[in-house]
Protein backbone atom coordinates (compact mmCIF):
# COMPACT_ATOMS: atom_id res chain seq x y z
CA MET A 1 -209.16 42.47 -30.18
CA ASN A 2 -205.50 42.08 -30.67
CA LEU A 3 -203.80 43.66 -33.77
CA LEU A 4 -200.14 43.17 -34.59
CA MET A 5 -198.24 45.62 -36.85
CA LEU A 6 -194.94 44.52 -38.40
CA LEU A 7 -192.77 46.88 -40.23
CA LYS A 8 -189.41 48.27 -41.06
CA CYS A 9 -189.14 52.30 -41.05
CA ASN A 10 -186.71 55.09 -40.43
CA GLY A 11 -188.19 55.54 -37.04
CA LEU A 12 -191.68 55.43 -35.58
CA ALA A 13 -191.26 59.11 -34.47
CA TYR A 14 -190.98 60.11 -38.15
CA ASP A 15 -193.69 57.68 -39.59
CA ASP A 16 -196.70 59.71 -39.59
CA ARG A 17 -198.81 57.04 -41.47
CA VAL A 18 -198.16 54.55 -38.86
CA ARG A 19 -199.07 56.99 -36.14
CA LYS A 20 -202.29 57.83 -37.60
CA GLU A 21 -203.32 54.09 -38.55
CA SER A 22 -202.43 53.00 -34.99
CA ILE A 23 -204.44 55.60 -33.39
CA SER A 24 -207.50 54.96 -35.70
CA LEU A 25 -207.35 51.15 -35.05
CA THR A 26 -207.19 51.83 -31.30
CA ALA A 27 -210.23 53.93 -31.69
CA ASN A 28 -211.92 51.05 -33.43
CA GLY A 29 -211.43 48.90 -30.48
CA TYR A 30 -208.05 47.08 -31.38
CA ASP A 31 -205.19 46.56 -29.12
CA VAL A 32 -202.33 47.60 -31.25
CA ASP A 33 -198.92 45.92 -30.69
CA ILE A 34 -196.27 47.44 -33.04
CA HIS A 35 -193.00 45.17 -33.82
CA VAL A 36 -190.59 47.29 -35.86
CA LEU A 37 -187.09 47.30 -37.24
CA GLU A 38 -185.87 51.06 -37.13
CA ASN A 39 -182.82 52.38 -39.07
CA ASP A 40 -180.93 52.92 -35.90
CA ASN A 41 -181.04 49.06 -35.43
CA LYS A 42 -181.45 49.13 -31.70
CA SER A 43 -183.63 46.94 -29.31
CA ALA A 44 -186.32 48.73 -27.20
CA SER A 45 -189.84 48.32 -25.97
CA GLY A 46 -192.56 50.47 -24.39
CA ASN A 47 -195.35 52.75 -25.51
CA VAL A 48 -195.67 54.93 -28.58
CA PHE A 49 -198.17 57.55 -29.88
CA ASN A 50 -200.23 56.99 -26.74
CA ASP A 51 -200.42 55.05 -23.51
CA SER A 52 -202.32 52.17 -25.09
CA ILE A 53 -200.22 51.37 -28.18
CA LYS A 54 -197.19 49.01 -27.27
CA PHE A 55 -194.01 48.54 -29.50
CA LYS A 56 -190.98 46.24 -29.66
CA GLN A 57 -187.99 47.33 -31.53
CA TYR A 58 -185.56 44.73 -32.71
CA TYR A 59 -181.86 44.62 -33.27
CA LEU A 60 -180.32 42.51 -36.04
CA ILE A 61 -176.76 41.30 -36.12
CA SER A 62 -177.00 41.01 -39.90
CA ARG A 63 -177.73 44.88 -40.31
CA LYS A 64 -174.66 45.69 -38.23
CA LEU A 65 -172.60 43.43 -40.40
CA PHE A 66 -173.97 44.28 -43.85
CA LYS A 67 -174.81 47.96 -44.52
CA GLY A 68 -177.49 49.19 -46.90
CA ASN A 69 -179.46 46.60 -49.00
CA ARG A 70 -176.72 43.93 -48.97
CA PHE A 71 -178.00 40.51 -47.94
CA LEU A 72 -181.53 41.73 -47.71
CA PHE A 73 -183.03 38.28 -47.52
CA LEU A 74 -180.66 37.30 -44.82
CA LYS A 75 -181.74 40.26 -42.72
CA LEU A 76 -185.42 39.60 -43.28
CA MET A 77 -184.90 35.98 -42.26
CA GLU A 78 -182.96 37.12 -39.01
CA LEU A 79 -186.04 39.62 -38.39
CA PHE A 80 -188.52 36.62 -38.96
CA PHE A 81 -186.73 34.42 -36.43
CA ARG A 82 -186.42 37.11 -33.91
CA PHE A 83 -189.95 37.95 -34.29
CA PHE A 84 -190.94 34.33 -34.22
CA PRO A 85 -191.66 33.89 -30.41
CA SER A 86 -194.01 36.72 -30.45
CA SER A 87 -196.19 34.99 -33.17
CA PHE A 88 -197.32 32.41 -30.49
CA LYS A 89 -199.87 35.00 -29.41
CA ARG A 90 -203.25 34.85 -31.03
CA TYR A 91 -204.09 37.93 -33.15
CA ASP A 92 -207.28 38.90 -34.70
CA VAL A 93 -205.72 41.01 -37.20
CA VAL A 94 -201.94 41.14 -38.62
CA TRP A 95 -201.37 44.39 -40.28
CA LEU A 96 -198.05 44.18 -42.49
CA HIS A 97 -196.32 47.32 -43.91
CA ASP A 98 -194.53 47.72 -47.22
CA PRO A 99 -193.82 45.17 -49.88
CA LEU A 100 -190.80 43.75 -48.28
CA MET A 101 -193.05 42.05 -45.85
CA PHE A 102 -194.03 39.67 -48.38
CA ILE A 103 -191.83 37.09 -46.80
CA PHE A 104 -194.06 37.04 -43.72
CA VAL A 105 -197.51 36.67 -45.41
CA PRO A 106 -197.37 32.69 -46.19
CA TYR A 107 -196.41 32.23 -42.52
CA PHE A 108 -199.39 34.37 -41.21
CA PHE A 109 -201.58 32.59 -43.79
CA LEU A 110 -200.61 29.21 -42.11
CA LEU A 111 -201.36 30.71 -38.72
CA LYS A 112 -204.69 31.75 -40.06
CA LYS A 113 -205.50 28.34 -41.43
CA ILE A 114 -204.82 26.79 -37.75
CA GLY A 115 -207.05 29.55 -36.22
CA ARG A 116 -204.34 31.70 -34.71
CA VAL A 117 -204.87 34.71 -36.86
CA ASN A 118 -208.21 35.93 -38.23
CA LYS A 119 -207.29 38.38 -41.00
CA ILE A 120 -204.11 39.54 -42.74
CA VAL A 121 -203.89 43.12 -43.96
CA TRP A 122 -200.96 44.16 -46.36
CA ASP A 123 -200.52 47.89 -46.36
CA GLN A 124 -198.14 48.90 -49.02
CA HIS A 125 -196.99 52.47 -48.57
CA GLU A 126 -194.70 52.10 -51.67
CA LEU A 127 -194.71 50.05 -54.85
CA PRO A 128 -192.45 47.05 -54.79
CA PRO A 129 -188.73 47.49 -56.10
CA GLN A 130 -188.46 47.02 -59.82
CA TYR A 131 -186.06 44.03 -59.35
CA PHE A 132 -189.29 42.25 -57.69
CA LEU A 133 -191.35 42.81 -60.71
CA CYS A 134 -188.57 41.93 -63.14
CA SER A 135 -187.41 38.75 -61.36
CA LYS A 136 -189.77 35.84 -62.23
CA LEU A 137 -189.12 34.08 -58.92
CA LEU A 138 -189.68 37.17 -56.77
CA ARG A 139 -192.69 38.22 -58.99
CA LYS A 140 -194.13 34.78 -58.52
CA PHE A 141 -193.61 34.88 -54.63
CA TYR A 142 -194.92 38.49 -54.50
CA LYS A 143 -198.21 37.56 -56.38
CA THR A 144 -198.60 34.74 -54.14
CA ALA A 145 -198.50 36.87 -51.14
CA LEU A 146 -200.81 39.31 -52.56
CA SER A 147 -203.41 36.55 -53.35
CA LEU A 148 -202.94 35.22 -49.57
CA ALA A 149 -203.68 38.69 -48.05
CA ASP A 150 -207.29 39.27 -47.02
CA VAL A 151 -207.04 43.16 -47.33
CA ARG A 152 -204.57 44.94 -49.70
CA ILE A 153 -204.05 48.64 -49.05
CA HIS A 154 -202.29 51.14 -51.23
CA ALA A 155 -201.31 54.84 -50.72
CA ASN A 156 -203.23 56.11 -53.66
CA GLU A 157 -205.41 54.63 -56.57
CA GLU A 158 -202.70 55.36 -59.21
CA ARG A 159 -200.18 53.03 -57.64
CA ALA A 160 -202.70 50.28 -57.21
CA LEU A 161 -203.84 50.40 -60.77
CA TYR A 162 -200.30 50.37 -61.95
CA LEU A 163 -199.38 47.31 -60.02
CA ASN A 164 -202.65 45.46 -61.01
CA LYS A 165 -201.63 46.23 -64.75
CA VAL A 166 -197.86 45.17 -64.33
CA LEU A 167 -199.01 41.91 -62.65
CA GLU A 168 -201.80 41.48 -64.99
CA LYS A 169 -204.21 40.67 -62.32
CA ASN A 170 -207.08 42.78 -60.89
CA TYR A 171 -206.44 42.42 -57.27
CA SER A 172 -209.00 44.11 -54.94
CA PHE A 173 -207.76 46.90 -52.91
CA LYS A 174 -208.41 49.72 -50.45
CA VAL A 175 -206.88 53.14 -50.61
CA ILE A 176 -205.60 54.99 -47.56
CA ARG A 177 -203.97 58.17 -48.48
CA ASN A 178 -201.60 59.77 -46.04
CA PHE A 179 -203.68 62.76 -45.18
CA VAL A 180 -203.12 65.05 -42.16
CA ASP A 181 -205.09 64.48 -39.03
CA GLU A 182 -206.53 67.06 -36.66
CA LEU A 183 -203.56 66.86 -34.37
CA PHE A 184 -201.29 68.17 -37.09
CA VAL A 185 -203.57 70.69 -38.33
CA GLN A 186 -204.18 72.22 -34.82
CA GLU A 187 -200.69 71.94 -33.63
CA LYS A 188 -199.24 75.25 -32.60
CA ALA A 189 -195.88 76.16 -34.43
CA LEU A 190 -192.86 76.57 -31.97
CA PRO A 191 -190.04 79.06 -32.49
CA LEU A 192 -187.14 77.99 -34.58
CA SER A 193 -183.93 77.43 -32.60
CA LYS A 194 -181.54 80.28 -31.98
CA GLU A 195 -178.93 78.68 -34.48
CA GLU A 196 -181.57 78.62 -37.13
CA ILE A 197 -182.79 82.15 -36.57
CA ASN A 198 -179.06 83.26 -36.56
CA TRP A 199 -178.51 81.46 -39.93
CA LEU A 200 -181.56 83.05 -41.48
CA GLY A 201 -180.45 86.51 -40.15
CA GLY A 202 -184.03 87.85 -41.01
CA ASP A 203 -184.29 86.54 -44.40
CA ASP A 204 -187.32 84.32 -45.80
CA TYR A 205 -186.69 80.86 -46.72
CA PHE A 206 -187.94 77.90 -48.99
CA LEU A 207 -188.53 74.51 -47.35
CA LEU A 208 -187.13 71.41 -48.80
CA GLN A 209 -189.13 68.56 -47.17
CA SER A 210 -187.72 65.78 -49.10
CA GLY A 211 -184.21 65.49 -47.68
CA ALA A 212 -181.13 65.85 -50.10
CA TYR A 213 -180.92 62.91 -52.53
CA GLU A 214 -180.48 62.48 -56.15
CA VAL A 215 -183.95 60.65 -56.52
CA ARG A 216 -185.28 63.88 -54.97
CA ASN A 217 -183.48 66.04 -57.75
CA PHE A 218 -181.40 67.67 -55.06
CA SER A 219 -178.43 68.44 -57.33
CA SER A 220 -180.67 70.30 -59.79
CA VAL A 221 -182.09 72.31 -56.94
CA ALA A 222 -178.66 73.06 -55.45
CA GLU A 223 -177.45 74.30 -58.75
CA ALA A 224 -180.62 76.36 -59.49
CA ILE A 225 -180.33 77.90 -55.81
CA CYS A 226 -176.68 78.59 -55.79
CA ASN A 227 -176.18 79.93 -59.46
CA THR A 228 -179.58 81.53 -60.21
CA ILE A 229 -182.13 81.75 -57.52
CA GLU A 230 -179.88 82.69 -54.54
CA ARG A 231 -182.50 82.29 -51.83
CA LYS A 232 -182.17 80.53 -48.56
CA CYS A 233 -183.43 76.92 -48.06
CA ILE A 234 -184.07 74.90 -44.86
CA VAL A 235 -183.78 71.06 -45.67
CA VAL A 236 -185.85 68.74 -43.39
CA GLY A 237 -185.21 64.84 -43.66
CA GLY A 238 -182.28 62.61 -44.32
CA PHE A 239 -179.35 63.13 -46.61
CA ASP A 240 -176.18 61.45 -47.90
CA LYS A 241 -173.27 63.15 -46.32
CA ASP A 242 -170.88 62.32 -49.18
CA TYR A 243 -173.42 63.46 -51.74
CA VAL A 244 -173.82 66.76 -49.81
CA SER A 245 -170.16 67.19 -49.30
CA ASN A 246 -169.52 67.16 -53.02
CA LEU A 247 -172.18 69.81 -53.71
CA ARG A 248 -170.72 71.74 -50.85
CA LYS A 249 -167.17 71.70 -52.75
CA LYS A 250 -168.83 72.66 -56.09
CA TYR A 251 -170.58 75.82 -54.83
CA SER A 252 -168.83 78.33 -52.64
CA ASN A 253 -172.13 79.62 -51.46
CA PHE A 254 -173.83 76.38 -50.57
CA ASP A 255 -173.75 76.84 -46.72
CA ASP A 256 -174.99 80.33 -47.18
CA LEU A 257 -178.05 79.20 -48.92
CA PHE A 258 -178.77 75.61 -47.37
CA LEU A 259 -179.38 74.59 -43.88
CA PHE A 260 -179.70 70.83 -42.97
CA VAL A 261 -181.79 70.22 -39.85
CA GLY A 262 -181.83 66.39 -40.37
CA MET A 263 -184.90 64.31 -39.39
CA VAL A 264 -187.69 66.04 -37.65
CA PRO A 265 -190.56 64.34 -35.77
CA GLN A 266 -193.65 64.67 -38.13
CA ILE A 267 -195.61 66.81 -35.68
CA ARG A 268 -192.79 69.48 -35.38
CA LEU A 269 -192.71 70.13 -39.19
CA VAL A 270 -195.32 72.61 -38.62
CA ASP A 271 -192.53 74.90 -37.05
CA TYR A 272 -190.76 74.89 -40.49
CA ILE A 273 -193.86 74.83 -42.73
CA ASP A 274 -195.65 77.82 -41.24
CA ARG A 275 -192.71 80.17 -41.73
CA ALA A 276 -191.72 79.00 -45.26
CA LEU A 277 -192.39 81.02 -48.34
CA ALA A 278 -193.15 77.66 -49.90
CA SER A 279 -192.59 74.08 -49.65
CA VAL A 280 -190.47 72.36 -52.51
CA ILE A 281 -191.38 68.64 -53.25
CA LEU A 282 -189.71 66.96 -55.89
CA TYR A 283 -189.25 63.42 -56.97
CA HIS A 284 -187.74 61.76 -59.96
CA ASP A 285 -190.05 60.30 -62.59
CA LYS A 286 -187.67 57.59 -63.69
CA GLU A 287 -189.39 54.87 -61.30
CA PRO A 288 -192.95 54.22 -61.16
CA ASN A 289 -192.97 54.56 -57.39
CA SER A 290 -191.72 58.20 -57.71
CA PHE A 291 -193.64 58.88 -60.77
CA TYR A 292 -196.95 57.97 -58.85
CA CYS A 293 -195.88 59.49 -55.62
CA GLU A 294 -198.49 61.46 -53.42
CA PRO A 295 -196.47 62.31 -50.29
CA ASN A 296 -197.88 63.39 -47.05
CA ARG A 297 -195.60 66.36 -47.11
CA LEU A 298 -197.77 67.84 -49.93
CA TYR A 299 -200.86 67.46 -47.79
CA GLN A 300 -199.05 68.92 -44.62
CA SER A 301 -198.07 72.06 -46.46
CA ILE A 302 -201.47 72.62 -47.96
CA SER A 303 -203.27 72.08 -44.70
CA ARG A 304 -201.19 74.72 -43.03
CA GLY A 305 -201.78 77.18 -45.72
CA THR A 306 -198.28 77.10 -47.26
CA PRO A 307 -197.99 77.12 -51.08
CA VAL A 308 -196.15 74.23 -52.85
CA ILE A 309 -193.61 73.96 -55.75
CA VAL A 310 -194.00 70.57 -57.28
CA GLY A 311 -192.64 68.58 -60.30
CA SER A 312 -194.87 67.30 -63.06
CA ASN A 313 -195.44 63.87 -61.51
CA PRO A 314 -199.20 63.20 -62.05
CA PRO A 315 -200.78 62.76 -58.53
CA MET A 316 -199.02 65.94 -57.12
CA ALA A 317 -199.50 67.94 -60.27
CA ASN A 318 -203.14 67.09 -60.47
CA ILE A 319 -203.84 68.16 -56.86
CA VAL A 320 -201.93 71.43 -57.17
CA SER A 321 -203.66 72.18 -60.44
CA GLU A 322 -207.16 71.52 -59.05
CA LEU A 323 -206.67 73.59 -55.91
CA ARG A 324 -204.42 76.31 -57.35
CA CYS A 325 -202.28 75.84 -54.19
CA GLY A 326 -198.74 76.26 -55.88
CA ILE A 327 -196.50 75.93 -58.92
CA ILE A 328 -196.20 73.03 -61.16
CA LEU A 329 -192.72 72.76 -62.82
CA GLU A 330 -192.31 71.85 -66.52
CA ASN A 331 -190.92 68.43 -65.61
CA CYS A 332 -190.17 66.44 -62.50
CA GLY A 333 -187.55 68.90 -61.36
CA SER A 334 -184.66 67.11 -63.07
CA SER A 335 -183.55 70.23 -64.85
CA VAL A 336 -182.03 73.50 -63.59
CA GLU A 337 -184.10 75.51 -66.11
CA ALA A 338 -187.34 74.04 -65.00
CA ILE A 339 -186.65 74.82 -61.35
CA ALA A 340 -185.48 78.38 -61.95
CA SER A 341 -188.62 78.97 -64.02
CA GLY A 342 -190.88 77.55 -61.37
CA PHE A 343 -189.44 79.85 -58.75
CA ASN A 344 -189.82 82.88 -60.96
CA GLN A 345 -193.36 81.98 -61.53
CA PHE A 346 -193.86 81.74 -57.87
CA TYR A 347 -192.58 85.28 -57.25
CA GLU A 348 -194.77 86.68 -60.01
CA ALA A 349 -197.93 84.74 -58.55
CA ASP A 350 -200.01 85.56 -55.53
CA ILE A 351 -200.91 82.24 -54.32
CA GLN A 352 -203.43 82.09 -51.48
CA ILE A 353 -204.38 78.67 -50.13
CA SER A 354 -208.31 78.60 -49.71
CA ASP A 355 -209.87 77.27 -46.56
CA LEU A 356 -211.62 74.65 -48.81
CA ALA A 357 -208.22 73.58 -49.93
CA LYS A 358 -206.75 73.46 -46.38
CA LYS A 359 -209.54 71.09 -45.20
CA ARG A 360 -209.46 68.96 -48.37
CA PHE A 361 -207.13 66.16 -47.07
CA THR A 362 -208.40 65.11 -43.80
CA TRP A 363 -207.46 61.71 -42.18
CA SER A 364 -211.07 61.43 -40.75
CA SER A 365 -212.66 61.45 -44.05
CA GLN A 366 -211.31 57.91 -44.82
CA LEU A 367 -211.91 56.25 -41.48
CA LYS A 368 -214.37 53.74 -43.07
CA ALA A 369 -211.13 51.98 -44.52
CA PHE A 370 -210.35 50.72 -41.03
CA ASP A 371 -213.65 48.83 -40.88
CA LEU A 372 -212.07 45.34 -41.30
């Protein structure tokens, strides 16, 4: 059975959800063919994740000309036309990722009508941008695309129910949460690099897995760490260079307390998680997508036995409260005082992750969702 995946992501090496889904679908008898637009905007092809999963990576002229989200519709149209010849192949299942792929749903629905596609799956890792829901035209197109998909998948129930409420329609859905798989749980941590070891100088550290962006409350974290907490932090993930440069100028001890290691392949996160005092995971609560966030980095840390410090965002806070696996801040992490208080609570607590909690979020527990 042929299955097409179509998505845009930072990079397949950093997208653990796509890796786990692809491998699970392969185990169910599908020949998975991934077509992807990555942030580096380069063309490539070959195998990924294992020898049986193929990928094709696209280059867009429009992405080179227009940075960021400028002329987004133009970029999507170019992606469509570059992908178009590949759509001549017959697919049993088309698996689309994320809300922006709404533009492709009607086309695959047409292919389904003429017998070239059997089933359309729309896997929405995130909620659609607010301008989608506020624009009458985009909202209408989005709702139409939802109705044309055979299977609608969301990252957690909270997001799915929120979306149904906003759209005023009870769409059926499946939930595939971004749990850890056995490969991640059993992976052996490798030593840190010499540069990282030298920077630490024998000190312990906290791990910031959310990168350095304002939507992840990093400026509040920086102020709390530099002015009050004064403990070293390793930052994994992307970051805005100008944003970080401004913080570096503001705090004279910034480089003594923050080390940026950039994007790290998901499986190698264990090298940083296992040695951390705790993993700090914060998201703004201003947007529904962040408010209802339930990131895989939360499951990753818990599964490796590392405590977490999270904001008050309901999905994360509920998990931490139930499993007693970390500290919940008074708010989403938007205030320096809440962060400093949370770190103080962490030092006073003796948090031990139970074996039951470590095994709670396993990818294999939801494999029935892949019975299409």
